[in-house]
Amino acid sequence: MKLKQEFVVTNVATETVLVPTGSASFHGVVRGNKTLAAILDLLKEDTTEDAVAAAMCERFDAPEENIRRDVSRAIRELRGIGALEE
């Protein structure tokens, strides 16, 4: 899976913003923190949920269970808005 090209990631102040282009079926803006920014960065290349979680565990000092839960939730929400190529 990876982030569809119809979505653009940008940073505004301390927030990460995911914006759909005109060709995306989702119409809105997704705002997030540095955790979402890291997940979106990893989704620029084709990957798996397990690989994203493993990379996040290396990057952040938090319990693996919490990281896996956050990654799973973020990916579920990205799928929900049609932002991922499977």
C-alpha atoms as a PDB file:
ATOM      1  CA  MET A   1       0.000   0.000   0.000  1.00  0.00           C
ATOM      2  CA  LYS A   2       1.041   3.597  -0.499  1.00  0.00           C
ATOM      3  CA  LEU A   3      -0.391   7.082  -0.498  1.00  0.00           C
ATOM      4  CA  LYS A   4      -2.250   7.931  -3.706  1.00  0.00           C
ATOM      5  CA  GLN A   5      -0.815  10.668  -5.888  1.00  0.00           C
ATOM      6  CA  GLU A   6      -4.138  12.503  -5.625  1.00  0.00           C
ATOM      7  CA  PHE A   7      -3.173  13.511  -2.071  1.00  0.00           C
ATOM      8  CA  VAL A   8      -0.572  16.138  -1.201  1.00  0.00           C
ATOM      9  CA  VAL A   9       1.184  16.327   2.155  1.00  0.00           C
ATOM     10  CA  THR A  10       2.269  19.716   3.431  1.00  0.00           C
ATOM     11  CA  ASN A  11       3.304  21.253   6.731  1.00  0.00           C
ATOM     12  CA  VAL A  12       1.604  24.320   8.137  1.00  0.00           C
ATOM     13  CA  ALA A  13       3.260  25.643  11.300  1.00  0.00           C
ATOM     14  CA  THR A  14       3.392  22.606  13.613  1.00  0.00           C
ATOM     15  CA  GLU A  15       0.722  20.596  11.803  1.00  0.00           C
ATOM     16  CA  THR A  16       0.896  18.167   8.933  1.00  0.00           C
ATOM     17  CA  VAL A  17      -1.927  18.585   6.430  1.00  0.00           C
ATOM     18  CA  LEU A  18      -3.117  16.022   3.876  1.00  0.00           C
ATOM     19  CA  VAL A  19      -4.969  17.715   1.033  1.00  0.00           C
ATOM     20  CA  PRO A  20      -6.765  15.962  -1.824  1.00  0.00           C
ATOM     21  CA  THR A  21      -6.354  17.263  -5.347  1.00  0.00           C
ATOM     22  CA  GLY A  22      -9.317  17.861  -7.607  1.00  0.00           C
ATOM     23  CA  SER A  23      -9.262  14.276  -8.875  1.00  0.00           C
ATOM     24  CA  ALA A  24      -9.661  12.695  -5.408  1.00  0.00           C
ATOM     25  CA  SER A  25     -13.074  11.497  -4.296  1.00  0.00           C
ATOM     26  CA  PHE A  26     -12.504  12.831  -0.756  1.00  0.00           C
ATOM     27  CA  HIS A  27     -13.286  16.514  -0.263  1.00  0.00           C
ATOM     28  CA  GLY A  28     -11.772  17.844   2.917  1.00  0.00           C
ATOM     29  CA  VAL A  29      -8.512  18.250   4.770  1.00  0.00           C
ATOM     30  CA  VAL A  30      -6.821  15.874   7.202  1.00  0.00           C
ATOM     31  CA  ARG A  31      -4.765  17.553   9.900  1.00  0.00           C
ATOM     32  CA  GLY A  32      -2.314  15.727  12.109  1.00  0.00           C
ATOM     33  CA  ASN A  33       0.774  15.844  14.280  1.00  0.00           C
ATOM     34  CA  LYS A  34       4.356  14.594  13.865  1.00  0.00           C
ATOM     35  CA  THR A  35       3.177  10.986  14.202  1.00  0.00           C
ATOM     36  CA  LEU A  36       0.893  11.311  11.191  1.00  0.00           C
ATOM     37  CA  ALA A  37       3.664  13.137   9.338  1.00  0.00           C
ATOM     38  CA  ALA A  38       6.016  10.189   9.897  1.00  0.00           C
ATOM     39  CA  ILE A  39       3.368   7.672   8.797  1.00  0.00           C
ATOM     40  CA  LEU A  40       2.595   9.667   5.638  1.00  0.00           C
ATOM     41  CA  ASP A  41       6.300   9.940   4.874  1.00  0.00           C
ATOM     42  CA  LEU A  42       6.629   6.150   5.071  1.00  0.00           C
ATOM     43  CA  LEU A  43       3.589   5.754   2.816  1.00  0.00           C
ATOM     44  CA  LYS A  44       5.298   7.608  -0.036  1.00  0.00           C
ATOM     45  CA  GLU A  45       6.744   4.224  -1.030  1.00  0.00           C
ATOM     46  CA  ASP A  46       4.904   0.921  -1.333  1.00  0.00           C
ATOM     47  CA  THR A  47       4.942  -0.710   2.121  1.00  0.00           C
ATOM     48  CA  THR A  48       2.944  -2.737   4.621  1.00  0.00           C
ATOM     49  CA  GLU A  49       1.320  -1.844   7.912  1.00  0.00           C
ATOM     50  CA  ASP A  50       3.857  -4.015   9.757  1.00  0.00           C
ATOM     51  CA  ALA A  51       6.771  -2.244   8.048  1.00  0.00           C
ATOM     52  CA  VAL A  52       5.326   1.166   8.939  1.00  0.00           C
ATOM     53  CA  ALA A  53       4.862   0.098  12.568  1.00  0.00           C
ATOM     54  CA  ALA A  54       8.413  -1.280  12.739  1.00  0.00           C
ATOM     55  CA  ALA A  55       9.867   1.950  11.326  1.00  0.00           C
ATOM     56  CA  MET A  56       7.804   3.986  13.766  1.00  0.00           C
ATOM     57  CA  CYS A  57       9.093   1.883  16.671  1.00  0.00           C
ATOM     58  CA  GLU A  58      12.640   2.748  15.605  1.00  0.00           C
ATOM     59  CA  ARG A  59      11.807   6.434  15.249  1.00  0.00           C
ATOM     60  CA  PHE A  60       9.747   7.042  18.398  1.00  0.00           C
ATOM     61  CA  ASP A  61      10.327   6.129  22.030  1.00  0.00           C
ATOM     62  CA  ALA A  62       6.940   4.678  22.943  1.00  0.00           C
ATOM     63  CA  PRO A  63       5.565   1.240  23.771  1.00  0.00           C
ATOM     64  CA  GLU A  64       5.276  -0.920  20.641  1.00  0.00           C
ATOM     65  CA  GLU A  65       1.642  -1.699  21.469  1.00  0.00           C
ATOM     66  CA  ASN A  66       0.768   2.017  21.393  1.00  0.00           C
ATOM     67  CA  ILE A  67       2.649   2.607  18.152  1.00  0.00           C
ATOM     68  CA  ARG A  68       0.971  -0.339  16.433  1.00  0.00           C
ATOM     69  CA  ARG A  69      -2.435   0.897  17.613  1.00  0.00           C
ATOM     70  CA  ASP A  70      -1.761   4.415  16.303  1.00  0.00           C
ATOM     71  CA  VAL A  71      -0.451   3.150  12.962  1.00  0.00           C
ATOM     72  CA  SER A  72      -3.439   0.844  12.555  1.00  0.00           C
ATOM     73  CA  ARG A  73      -5.883   3.654  13.310  1.00  0.00           C
ATOM     74  CA  ALA A  74      -4.162   6.072  10.918  1.00  0.00           C
ATOM     75  CA  ILE A  75      -4.104   3.532   8.087  1.00  0.00           C
ATOM     76  CA  ARG A  76      -7.746   2.619   8.700  1.00  0.00           C
ATOM     77  CA  GLU A  77      -8.714   6.307   8.480  1.00  0.00           C
ATOM     78  CA  LEU A  78      -6.608   6.854   5.350  1.00  0.00           C
ATOM     79  CA  ARG A  79      -8.290   3.868   3.733  1.00  0.00           C
ATOM     80  CA  GLY A  80     -11.652   5.285   4.763  1.00  0.00           C
ATOM     81  CA  ILE A  81     -11.084   8.461   2.777  1.00  0.00           C
ATOM     82  CA  GLY A  82      -9.623   6.596  -0.194  1.00  0.00           C
ATOM     83  CA  ALA A  83      -6.090   7.938   0.255  1.00  0.00           C
ATOM     84  CA  LEU A  84      -4.287   4.611  -0.133  1.00  0.00           C
ATOM     85  CA  GLU A  85      -3.436   2.454  -3.119  1.00  0.00           C
ATOM     86  CA  GLU A  86      -3.647  -1.178  -2.076  1.00  0.00           C
END
